[in-house]
Protein backbone atom coordinates (compact mmCIF):
# COMPACT_ATOMS: atom_id res chain seq x y z
CA MET A 1 -2.33 9.31 -23.06
CA THR A 2 -2.10 11.08 -19.65
CA TRP A 3 -4.20 12.74 -17.33
CA TYR A 4 -2.87 15.93 -18.47
CA SER A 5 -3.58 14.64 -22.45
CA TYR A 6 -6.87 14.13 -21.33
CA ALA A 7 -7.51 17.50 -19.92
CA GLN A 8 -6.94 18.61 -23.28
CA THR A 9 -8.99 16.33 -25.36
CA ASP A 10 -11.74 15.52 -23.05
CA PRO A 11 -11.84 18.22 -20.39
CA ASP A 12 -15.39 17.31 -19.33
CA ARG A 13 -14.74 13.84 -18.38
CA ALA A 14 -15.02 13.39 -14.69
CA ALA A 15 -11.32 13.03 -12.91
CA LEU A 16 -12.58 12.78 -9.27
CA ILE A 17 -16.00 12.25 -8.09
CA ALA A 18 -16.64 12.32 -4.07
CA ASP A 19 -19.88 12.79 -2.21
CA ASP A 20 -21.22 15.87 -4.15
CA VAL A 21 -17.94 16.88 -5.74
CA ARG A 22 -17.32 16.44 -9.30
CA VAL A 23 -14.06 17.68 -10.61
CA SER A 24 -13.68 17.30 -14.78
CA PHE A 25 -9.82 16.72 -15.99
CA GLY A 26 -10.15 20.18 -17.45
CA GLU A 27 -11.07 21.53 -14.00
CA LEU A 28 -8.49 19.15 -12.30
CA ASN A 29 -5.49 20.68 -14.62
CA GLU A 30 -6.88 24.49 -13.81
CA GLN A 31 -6.34 23.43 -10.34
CA VAL A 32 -2.92 22.11 -10.90
CA ASN A 33 -1.62 24.83 -12.72
CA ARG A 34 -2.91 27.35 -9.86
CA ILE A 35 -1.25 24.93 -7.22
CA ILE A 36 1.74 25.30 -9.49
CA ASN A 37 2.26 29.07 -9.77
CA SER A 38 0.86 29.17 -5.82
CA LEU A 39 3.90 27.02 -4.53
CA ASP A 40 6.37 29.06 -6.71
CA SER A 41 5.10 32.09 -4.84
CA LEU A 42 5.22 30.74 -1.67
CA GLY A 43 8.72 30.10 -2.20
CA VAL A 44 8.43 25.94 -2.31
CA GLY A 45 11.32 25.53 -5.09
CA ARG A 46 12.39 22.65 -7.39
CA GLY A 47 13.70 19.50 -5.48
CA ASP A 48 11.60 20.63 -2.39
CA ALA A 49 9.44 18.46 -0.32
CA VAL A 50 5.56 18.83 0.01
CA ALA A 51 4.02 17.15 3.00
CA ILE A 52 0.20 15.51 3.18
CA VAL A 53 -1.20 14.61 6.16
CA LEU A 54 -4.94 13.22 5.17
CA PRO A 55 -7.26 10.48 5.01
CA ASN A 56 -8.27 9.74 1.23
CA GLU A 57 -9.81 13.10 0.24
CA TRP A 58 -9.82 14.03 -2.96
CA GLU A 59 -7.78 17.28 -2.56
CA TYR A 60 -4.97 14.85 -2.27
CA LEU A 61 -4.36 14.61 -5.70
CA PRO A 62 -4.32 18.33 -7.14
CA LEU A 63 -1.55 18.89 -4.69
CA GLU A 64 0.11 15.72 -5.44
CA LEU A 65 0.28 16.04 -9.49
CA ALA A 66 0.97 19.56 -9.19
CA CYS A 67 4.49 18.45 -7.39
CA LEU A 68 5.00 15.47 -9.95
CA SER A 69 4.69 18.02 -12.98
CA THR A 70 7.20 20.68 -11.27
CA GLU A 71 10.14 18.40 -10.13
CA ARG A 72 9.08 18.48 -6.22
CA TYR A 73 8.88 15.82 -3.91
CA ILE A 74 5.55 14.76 -2.12
CA VAL A 75 5.62 13.07 1.00
CA PRO A 76 2.40 11.08 2.10
CA VAL A 77 2.69 11.06 5.75
CA ASN A 78 0.40 8.16 7.56
CA ARG A 79 -2.43 10.25 9.28
CA HIS A 80 -2.77 7.99 12.13
CA LEU A 81 0.64 8.56 13.44
CA THR A 82 1.24 10.15 16.61
CA ALA A 83 2.69 13.88 16.69
CA PRO A 84 6.06 12.39 17.76
CA GLU A 85 5.82 10.01 15.03
CA ILE A 86 4.71 12.88 12.49
CA ALA A 87 7.48 14.79 13.87
CA TYR A 88 10.22 12.46 12.98
CA ILE A 89 9.01 12.10 9.47
CA LEU A 90 8.74 16.21 9.06
CA SER A 91 12.19 16.69 10.47
CA ASN A 92 13.61 13.80 8.04
CA ALA A 93 11.96 15.41 5.12
CA GLU A 94 12.03 18.89 5.85
CA PRO A 95 9.17 19.81 3.98
CA LYS A 96 8.26 23.22 2.76
CA LEU A 97 4.98 23.19 2.86
CA VAL A 98 2.32 20.67 4.62
CA LEU A 99 -1.41 20.00 3.68
CA THR A 100 -3.88 18.57 6.52
CA ASN A 101 -7.47 19.00 7.78
CA ALA A 102 -9.12 20.38 10.72
CA ASP A 103 -9.28 17.45 12.80
CA LEU A 104 -5.87 16.58 12.03
CA LEU A 105 -4.46 20.01 12.57
CA PRO A 106 -3.55 20.44 16.42
CA VAL A 107 -1.74 17.00 16.00
CA VAL A 108 0.19 18.39 12.65
CA ARG A 109 1.20 21.76 14.51
CA GLU A 110 2.74 19.87 17.61
CA ALA A 111 4.62 17.47 15.03
CA ALA A 112 5.85 20.87 12.97
CA ALA A 113 6.63 22.32 16.38
CA GLU A 114 8.70 19.34 17.83
CA ALA A 115 10.45 18.98 14.20
CA GLY A 116 11.81 22.58 14.36
CA LEU A 117 9.99 23.72 10.95
CA PRO A 118 9.71 27.51 10.48
CA GLY A 119 6.70 28.67 11.62
CA THR A 120 3.16 27.79 11.30
CA ASP A 121 1.92 29.62 8.32
CA ARG A 122 3.01 27.03 5.85
CA ILE A 123 0.56 24.38 7.07
CA TYR A 124 -3.04 24.49 5.74
CA THR A 125 -6.27 22.79 5.90
CA THR A 126 -8.58 21.43 3.13
CA GLY A 127 -12.23 21.74 3.80
CA ASP A 128 -13.58 25.22 5.23
CA PRO A 129 -12.83 27.63 2.23
CA SER A 130 -13.48 30.39 5.13
CA ALA A 131 -10.83 28.78 7.34
CA PRO A 132 -7.99 30.85 8.38
CA THR A 133 -5.80 27.62 7.29
CA ALA A 134 -7.68 27.19 4.04
CA TRP A 135 -5.23 25.47 1.67
CA ALA A 136 -7.73 26.79 -1.41
CA SER A 137 -7.15 30.68 -0.08
CA ALA A 138 -3.50 29.54 -0.80
CA TRP A 139 -3.90 28.68 -4.31
CA GLN A 140 -7.60 29.67 -5.65
CA ASN A 141 -6.72 33.42 -6.72
CA SER A 142 -3.07 32.31 -8.63
CA PRO A 143 -2.79 32.37 -12.06
CA ALA A 144 -3.71 29.26 -14.11
CA ASP A 145 -1.00 29.61 -16.50
CA PRO A 146 0.83 26.16 -17.11
CA PRO A 147 4.53 26.22 -16.07
CA LYS A 148 7.02 27.01 -18.23
CA ASP A 149 8.66 23.61 -17.86
CA ARG A 150 6.98 20.37 -17.12
CA LEU A 151 9.29 18.05 -15.45
CA ALA A 152 8.68 15.18 -13.00
CA GLY A 153 9.10 14.95 -9.31
CA SER A 154 8.73 11.95 -7.16
CA VAL A 155 7.25 10.71 -4.40
CA MET A 156 8.88 10.08 -1.20
CA PHE A 157 7.33 7.33 0.81
CA TYR A 158 8.12 6.35 4.20
CA SER A 159 8.47 2.58 5.35
CA SER A 160 6.09 1.54 7.54
CA GLY A 161 8.21 1.41 10.37
CA THR A 162 7.44 -2.17 11.68
CA THR A 163 11.04 -2.42 12.80
CA GLY A 164 12.75 0.81 14.07
CA LYS A 165 12.01 4.17 12.29
CA PRO A 166 10.62 4.76 9.20
CA LYS A 167 12.71 5.43 6.30
CA GLY A 168 12.00 8.06 3.42
CA ILE A 169 12.75 6.25 0.36
CA ARG A 170 14.00 9.03 -2.22
CA ARG A 171 14.96 8.82 -5.90
CA ALA A 172 16.38 11.25 -7.89
CA LEU A 173 14.52 13.23 -9.91
CA SER A 174 14.88 11.65 -13.41
CA GLY A 175 14.95 15.11 -15.67
CA LEU A 176 12.04 13.10 -17.68
CA THR A 177 8.83 14.86 -18.46
CA PRO A 178 5.45 13.57 -16.72
CA GLU A 179 4.76 12.09 -19.81
CA GLN A 180 7.92 10.16 -20.62
CA GLU A 181 7.51 8.88 -16.81
CA HIS A 182 3.83 7.87 -17.88
CA GLU A 183 5.59 5.73 -20.68
CA VAL A 184 7.50 3.77 -18.28
CA GLY A 185 4.66 2.68 -16.26
CA ARG A 186 2.49 1.53 -19.09
CA GLN A 187 3.92 -1.87 -19.27
CA THR A 188 3.15 -2.90 -15.62
CA TRP A 189 -0.64 -1.29 -16.06
CA GLY A 190 -0.86 -3.86 -19.26
CA LEU A 191 0.32 -6.93 -17.48
CA LEU A 192 -2.40 -6.06 -14.67
CA ASN A 193 -4.86 -5.75 -17.23
CA LEU A 194 -5.43 -2.05 -16.51
CA THR A 195 -6.65 -0.33 -19.61
CA GLU A 196 -7.28 2.98 -20.90
CA GLY A 197 -10.60 4.84 -19.62
CA PRO A 198 -13.62 5.47 -19.20
CA GLY A 199 -13.52 3.49 -16.32
CA VAL A 200 -13.86 4.23 -12.37
CA HIS A 201 -11.32 2.87 -10.01
CA VAL A 202 -12.19 3.02 -6.62
CA VAL A 203 -9.92 4.49 -4.07
CA ALA A 204 -10.53 1.80 -1.52
CA ALA A 205 -6.82 1.86 0.33
CA PRO A 206 -4.74 4.65 1.99
CA LEU A 207 -3.14 7.02 -0.57
CA TYR A 208 -0.35 7.55 1.76
CA HIS A 209 0.97 3.84 0.93
CA SER A 210 2.79 3.55 -2.14
CA ALA A 211 0.84 0.67 -4.09
CA PRO A 212 -2.90 2.52 -3.77
CA ASN A 213 -0.92 5.91 -4.54
CA GLY A 214 0.72 4.73 -7.64
CA MET A 215 -2.37 2.94 -8.94
CA ALA A 216 -4.58 6.07 -8.31
CA LEU A 217 -1.97 8.13 -10.02
CA GLY A 218 -1.95 5.42 -12.91
CA ALA A 219 -5.37 5.36 -13.40
CA LEU A 220 -6.21 8.96 -13.71
CA GLY A 221 -3.06 8.54 -16.18
CA ARG A 222 -5.00 6.12 -18.34
CA GLY A 223 -8.26 8.49 -17.93
CA VAL A 224 -10.14 6.85 -15.31
CA THR A 225 -11.95 8.62 -12.80
CA LEU A 226 -11.28 8.36 -8.97
CA ALA A 227 -14.17 7.93 -7.12
CA PHE A 228 -13.90 8.40 -3.21
CA PRO A 229 -16.26 6.22 -1.02
CA ALA A 230 -17.30 8.39 1.90
CA MET A 231 -15.92 5.55 4.71
CA GLY A 232 -13.69 6.11 7.60
CA ARG A 233 -12.74 2.43 8.54
CA PHE A 234 -13.30 0.19 5.68
CA ASP A 235 -17.26 -1.22 5.90
CA PRO A 236 -17.63 -4.12 3.78
CA ALA A 237 -21.47 -4.03 3.11
CA GLU A 238 -21.21 -0.21 2.76
CA PHE A 239 -17.90 -0.74 0.22
CA LEU A 240 -20.10 -3.23 -1.91
CA SER A 241 -22.85 -0.90 -2.37
CA PHE A 242 -20.89 1.93 -3.28
CA ILE A 243 -18.83 0.14 -5.90
CA GLU A 244 -21.89 -1.16 -7.58
CA ARG A 245 -23.37 2.26 -7.54
CA VAL A 246 -20.45 3.91 -9.36
CA LYS A 247 -20.01 1.04 -11.61
CA MET A 248 -16.32 0.39 -10.31
CA THR A 249 -14.00 -1.01 -13.06
CA GLU A 250 -11.11 -0.92 -11.22
CA SER A 251 -9.60 -0.71 -7.67
CA PHE A 252 -6.35 -1.59 -5.45
CA MET A 253 -7.50 -3.62 -2.30
CA VAL A 254 -5.78 -6.00 0.20
CA PRO A 255 -6.15 -9.15 1.43
CA THR A 256 -8.11 -8.14 4.65
CA MET A 257 -10.75 -6.33 2.86
CA PHE A 258 -11.51 -9.56 0.80
CA GLN A 259 -11.70 -11.77 3.97
CA ARG A 260 -14.45 -9.21 5.12
CA LEU A 261 -16.47 -8.90 1.81
CA LEU A 262 -16.57 -12.96 2.13
CA ARG A 263 -17.98 -12.87 5.26
CA LEU A 264 -21.20 -10.95 4.24
CA PRO A 265 -24.62 -12.39 4.31
CA ASP A 266 -24.70 -15.13 1.55
CA ASP A 267 -27.95 -13.23 -0.11
CA VAL A 268 -25.78 -10.14 -0.25
CA ARG A 269 -23.08 -11.22 -1.59
CA ALA A 270 -25.22 -13.04 -4.39
CA ALA A 271 -27.03 -9.99 -5.00
CA PHE A 272 -23.76 -8.14 -5.80
CA ASP A 273 -23.39 -7.17 -9.87
CA SER A 274 -19.85 -7.97 -10.51
CA SER A 275 -20.12 -7.21 -14.42
CA SER A 276 -18.49 -3.86 -14.31
CA LEU A 277 -15.48 -5.41 -13.12
CA ARG A 278 -12.19 -5.06 -14.75
CA ALA A 279 -9.33 -5.46 -12.40
CA VAL A 280 -8.82 -5.54 -8.90
CA VAL A 281 -5.23 -5.75 -8.17
CA HIS A 282 -4.21 -6.70 -4.79
CA ALA A 283 -0.35 -6.76 -3.51
CA GLY A 284 1.40 -5.74 -0.13
CA ALA A 285 0.23 -8.74 2.18
CA PRO A 286 -0.40 -12.60 1.33
CA CYS A 287 -3.54 -13.64 0.16
CA PRO A 288 -4.38 -16.82 1.70
CA VAL A 289 -5.32 -19.70 -0.80
CA PRO A 290 -8.74 -20.11 0.03
CA THR A 291 -9.27 -16.48 0.30
CA LYS A 292 -8.21 -15.66 -3.08
CA HIS A 293 -10.01 -19.11 -4.53
CA ASP A 294 -13.71 -17.49 -3.53
CA MET A 295 -13.00 -14.01 -4.65
CA ILE A 296 -12.28 -15.33 -7.78
CA ALA A 297 -15.27 -17.54 -7.74
CA TRP A 298 -17.28 -14.66 -6.59
CA TRP A 299 -16.09 -11.71 -8.65
CA GLY A 300 -15.01 -13.48 -11.69
CA PRO A 301 -11.25 -13.73 -12.90
CA VAL A 302 -10.76 -10.23 -12.22
CA LEU A 303 -8.08 -10.47 -9.24
CA GLU A 304 -4.51 -9.52 -10.72
CA GLU A 305 -1.76 -9.37 -8.18
CA PHE A 306 1.85 -8.41 -8.12
CA TYR A 307 4.82 -8.48 -5.69
CA GLY A 308 7.20 -6.17 -4.57
CA SER A 309 7.93 -3.25 -2.34
CA THR A 310 8.00 0.16 -1.85
CA GLU A 311 11.52 0.57 -2.76
CA SER A 312 11.69 -2.06 -5.75
CA SER A 313 8.28 -1.62 -7.30
CA VAL A 314 6.38 -4.19 -9.33
CA VAL A 315 8.98 -6.91 -9.31
CA THR A 316 5.91 -10.03 -10.44
CA THR A 317 2.54 -10.22 -11.69
CA VAL A 318 0.19 -12.97 -11.87
CA SER A 319 -3.39 -12.99 -13.19
CA SER A 320 -6.41 -14.97 -11.76
CA LYS A 321 -5.91 -17.90 -14.51
CA GLN A 322 -2.19 -18.24 -13.61
CA TRP A 323 -2.48 -18.37 -10.06
CA LEU A 324 -5.12 -20.89 -10.49
CA GLU A 325 -3.15 -23.07 -12.46
CA ALA A 326 -0.24 -22.50 -9.23
CA PRO A 327 -2.74 -21.35 -6.19
CA GLY A 328 -0.07 -19.55 -3.84
CA THR A 329 2.11 -18.11 -6.57
CA VAL A 330 2.92 -14.18 -7.06
CA GLY A 331 3.52 -14.64 -10.52
CA GLN A 332 6.51 -14.45 -13.14
CA VAL A 333 9.19 -11.62 -13.26
CA ARG A 334 8.26 -8.74 -15.53
CA PRO A 335 10.18 -8.34 -18.81
CA GLY A 336 13.40 -6.73 -18.42
CA TRP A 337 13.65 -7.67 -14.82
CA ARG A 338 15.38 -10.20 -12.90
CA MET A 339 14.89 -11.96 -10.00
CA GLU A 340 17.54 -14.04 -7.80
CA ILE A 341 16.79 -16.18 -5.02
CA ARG A 342 20.28 -16.22 -2.67
CA GLY A 343 21.54 -18.52 0.20
CA ALA A 344 23.00 -17.69 3.15
CA ASP A 345 26.25 -17.33 1.52
CA GLY A 346 24.96 -14.86 -0.76
CA LYS A 347 25.21 -17.28 -3.82
CA PRO A 348 22.24 -18.18 -6.10
CA VAL A 349 20.05 -21.45 -4.70
CA ALA A 350 18.79 -23.85 -6.94
CA GLN A 351 15.25 -24.31 -8.40
CA GLY A 352 12.59 -24.87 -5.97
CA GLU A 353 15.19 -23.95 -3.04
CA GLU A 354 14.30 -21.51 -0.46
CA GLY A 355 16.36 -18.14 0.29
CA LEU A 356 16.29 -14.45 0.03
CA ILE A 357 14.51 -12.74 -2.92
CA PHE A 358 16.48 -10.10 -4.82
CA SER A 359 15.25 -7.82 -7.95
CA ILE A 360 17.43 -6.60 -10.63
CA GLY A 361 16.14 -3.65 -12.44
CA SER A 362 14.49 -1.50 -9.65
CA ALA A 363 15.52 1.97 -9.94
CA PRO A 364 18.15 3.56 -7.90
CA PHE A 365 16.77 5.32 -4.64
CA ASP A 366 18.57 6.23 -1.10
CA TYR A 367 17.22 6.27 2.31
CA VAL A 368 16.89 9.72 3.59
CA LYS A 369 19.66 10.83 5.51
CA ASP A 370 20.96 7.12 6.02
CA PRO A 371 23.63 5.90 3.86
CA GLU A 372 24.56 3.16 5.73
CA LYS A 373 20.97 1.63 5.50
CA THR A 374 20.99 2.40 1.77
CA ALA A 375 24.41 0.67 1.12
CA GLY A 376 23.14 -2.52 2.83
CA THR A 377 19.84 -3.12 0.99
CA TRP A 378 22.03 -3.26 -2.54
CA GLU A 379 24.54 -5.92 -3.72
CA GLY A 380 25.37 -4.30 -7.03
CA GLU A 381 22.76 -4.11 -9.02
CA ALA A 382 20.40 -6.54 -7.43
CA LEU A 383 18.23 -5.28 -4.38
CA LEU A 384 17.42 -7.23 -1.37
CA ILE A 385 13.47 -7.40 -0.74
CA GLY A 386 13.62 -8.67 2.59
CA ASP A 387 11.54 -11.75 1.93
CA ILE A 388 12.11 -15.66 1.97
CA GLY A 389 10.74 -17.73 -1.68
CA LYS A 390 11.36 -20.13 -4.00
CA VAL A 391 10.77 -20.38 -7.82
CA ASP A 392 9.24 -23.39 -9.38
CA GLU A 393 10.21 -24.84 -12.78
CA GLU A 394 8.00 -22.74 -14.48
CA GLY A 395 9.58 -19.18 -12.76
CA ARG A 396 6.68 -18.65 -11.00
CA LEU A 397 7.87 -17.14 -7.43
CA PHE A 398 6.12 -18.30 -4.01
CA VAL A 399 6.71 -16.04 -1.10
CA LEU A 400 7.23 -18.07 2.13
CA ASP A 401 7.47 -15.03 4.60
CA ARG A 402 9.38 -12.13 5.68
CA ARG A 403 13.03 -12.91 6.69
CA THR A 404 12.19 -10.67 9.94
CA ASP A 405 9.26 -12.77 10.59
CA LEU A 406 10.64 -15.71 10.48
CA ILE A 407 10.94 -17.98 13.86
CA LEU A 408 13.59 -20.54 14.48
CA SER A 409 12.72 -23.52 16.56
CA GLY A 410 15.27 -26.25 17.46
CA GLY A 411 17.34 -25.59 14.49
CA VAL A 412 14.42 -25.52 12.22
CA ASN A 413 12.87 -22.31 10.00
CA ILE A 414 9.12 -21.97 10.63
CA TYR A 415 7.15 -19.32 8.21
CA PRO A 416 4.36 -17.77 10.29
CA ALA A 417 2.66 -16.96 7.16
CA GLU A 418 2.18 -20.87 6.56
CA ILE A 419 0.61 -21.34 10.09
CA GLU A 420 -1.49 -18.25 9.68
CA PHE A 421 -3.01 -19.35 6.37
CA THR A 422 -4.00 -22.32 8.44
CA LEU A 423 -5.85 -20.83 11.27
CA ALA A 424 -7.46 -18.11 8.93
CA GLU A 425 -9.77 -21.01 7.00
CA HIS A 426 -10.94 -21.82 10.35
CA PRO A 427 -14.84 -20.13 10.17
CA SER A 428 -14.50 -18.79 13.35
CA VAL A 429 -11.37 -16.64 12.68
CA ILE A 430 -11.33 -13.18 11.36
CA ASP A 431 -7.51 -12.51 11.63
CA VAL A 432 -4.44 -14.08 13.14
CA VAL A 433 -0.93 -13.22 13.51
CA VAL A 434 1.66 -15.75 14.61
CA ILE A 435 5.05 -14.76 16.30
CA GLY A 436 7.94 -16.79 17.92
CA VAL A 437 8.34 -16.15 21.60
CA PRO A 438 11.79 -16.83 23.26
CA ASP A 439 11.87 -20.58 24.76
CA GLU A 440 14.99 -21.80 27.03
CA GLU A 441 14.82 -24.90 25.46
CA TRP A 442 13.56 -24.62 21.76
CA GLY A 443 14.83 -21.09 21.23
CA GLN A 444 11.70 -20.06 20.12
CA LYS A 445 8.39 -21.37 20.35
CA VAL A 446 5.10 -20.31 18.19
CA VAL A 447 2.77 -18.44 19.29
CA ALA A 448 -0.75 -17.67 17.55
CA ILE A 449 -2.89 -14.40 18.27
CA VAL A 450 -6.37 -14.76 17.06
CA GLN A 451 -9.12 -12.45 16.52
CA PRO A 452 -12.40 -14.07 16.55
CA VAL A 453 -15.63 -13.41 14.66
CA GLU A 454 -18.24 -11.97 16.53
CA GLY A 455 -20.03 -14.11 18.84
CA ALA A 456 -17.59 -17.14 18.57
CA ASP A 457 -17.84 -19.25 21.68
CA ARG A 458 -14.59 -18.43 23.25
CA SER A 459 -14.20 -20.51 26.19
CA ALA A 460 -13.86 -23.47 23.68
CA LEU A 461 -12.40 -21.85 20.57
CA SER A 462 -8.53 -22.05 21.57
CA GLU A 463 -8.59 -25.77 22.10
CA GLU A 464 -11.25 -26.09 18.96
CA LEU A 465 -8.27 -24.25 17.07
CA VAL A 466 -5.42 -26.71 18.43
CA GLU A 467 -7.26 -29.61 17.27
CA PHE A 468 -7.98 -27.79 13.45
CA CYS A 469 -3.76 -27.55 13.16
CA GLN A 470 -3.68 -31.13 13.95
CA GLY A 471 -3.58 -32.82 10.77
CA ARG A 472 -2.78 -29.58 8.81
CA LEU A 473 0.61 -28.62 10.10
CA ALA A 474 3.49 -30.47 11.25
CA LYS A 475 3.39 -31.25 14.79
CA TYR A 476 6.67 -28.66 15.15
CA LYS A 477 4.92 -25.90 13.05
CA GLN A 478 1.84 -26.01 15.62
CA PRO A 479 1.26 -23.33 17.99
CA SER A 480 2.47 -23.70 21.38
CA ARG A 481 -0.38 -21.34 22.51
CA ILE A 482 -3.29 -19.63 21.23
CA ASP A 483 -4.44 -16.59 22.86
CA LEU A 484 -7.49 -14.89 21.44
CA VAL A 485 -8.02 -10.69 21.26
CA ASP A 486 -10.67 -8.49 20.61
CA GLU A 487 -8.86 -6.97 17.83
CA LEU A 488 -5.49 -7.28 16.33
CA PRO A 489 -3.59 -3.91 16.14
CA ARG A 490 -2.97 -2.88 12.20
CA MET A 491 -1.62 -0.26 10.43
CA PRO A 492 -4.10 1.80 8.26
CA THR A 493 -3.13 -0.14 5.06
CA GLY A 494 -4.73 -3.20 6.33
CA LYS A 495 -1.86 -5.21 7.63
CA ILE A 496 -1.26 -6.32 11.05
CA SER A 497 1.33 -4.19 12.89
CA ARG A 498 3.53 -7.03 14.45
CA SER A 499 5.73 -4.50 16.13
CA LYS A 500 2.63 -3.85 18.38
CA VAL A 501 2.04 -7.26 18.83
CA ARG A 502 5.42 -8.44 19.63
CA ASP A 503 5.82 -5.44 22.00
CA SER A 504 2.73 -7.11 24.04
CA TYR A 505 4.54 -10.42 23.81
CA LEU A 506 8.26 -10.29 24.19
CA PRO A 507 10.05 -9.30 27.41
CA ALA A 508 11.55 -5.93 27.10
């Protein structure tokens, strides 16, 4: 079954719900068909790109599904970017149409002008149907006839841009039908305990990021309803109330959300009914071991984790039960794929030794207009993910850190993630990032930047955290300095923006 199949067999089942909006699978199919015909009439051809610059709004999905059903590329753009940053992506992707909302319209128009996109008549907005730029007016009067040929398009994500400019990740159109591509993804859903509907998938993380986007599309493909919370920033109490109200069965979340949920008052947590939960998938950032332990103890063995990247897709998976047997692992490689840990010489290392992680089985792609970077990412059929890890005797992968985050002090490798996990265990720490700062004697020294909980005694906290690390970390791993900040800079996915942290601490 696929979302398209459910539109035929169970058209009244809810596909999208948000505030007072309810779109059934049958209505979704009609909207998708009208949008496809509208794109045809607007001259957005097969193989062309369409960009979306939006927060998590239900209108995201009909346009995305229209592109994915007719050999078009959909380009999700981070709505928090500045006009010049959006302009770079628009210039690189060259979309024929852009969808945004009224709040973001001035920034998007500025970006489109800077990118040299022809005119502004192809920039549409969600919301008010009477607005001159209303997206609904562009498609709602188009025919609802289905397209003659339904062939799969592709999502062209842009990397987060933590180092340098973001890169568009483009895969060749497969020539398969959307239903055939759905079957390709079915194995992954089974590994993550994602089942056929009915059910409710709460859209918690931004759809312009690959993992939440893929999970939302997969949920619709399994006949699961997508529910959109009416939240700007993630509010743990509000989120908990929402998922209980809609009886959430599944979601994709990031560890930062777990940490904030766990800081809710004990009575609020105890009152939460988790009986509807079937699978809460997380990925994209390391999850501290104590955090995951506490979430499993609270919500039950419903946490499902995968490891991979936008470029590689899912490489390993691990269930709660498997993780509890080896805390910290991101699991074993998925069937039909291979994984290698390679040393500096490019050769596979022995079991248990550290090295760079390569996946073998990922679909080919290219970085848009950057053949040099594309070539540097592949070694034959092996894809360099960019992380450092090791594999134990059971074939379980442990990710130690990003290669680019590695600190080299006195000739010794230091992994910031290990130090961050240790500091995150302190009850006065909301979050922390550890970086290497240049040092004449050691090459680099370890500096921790900590966001404390509200009301923490800052006069004593830095010293307290230094003592907290003693006995938990080897001396050479202990931060030489711990700075306190009101708030750590983040990307919209919840990840800390290391580039912004480094810009503040490293010399120009």
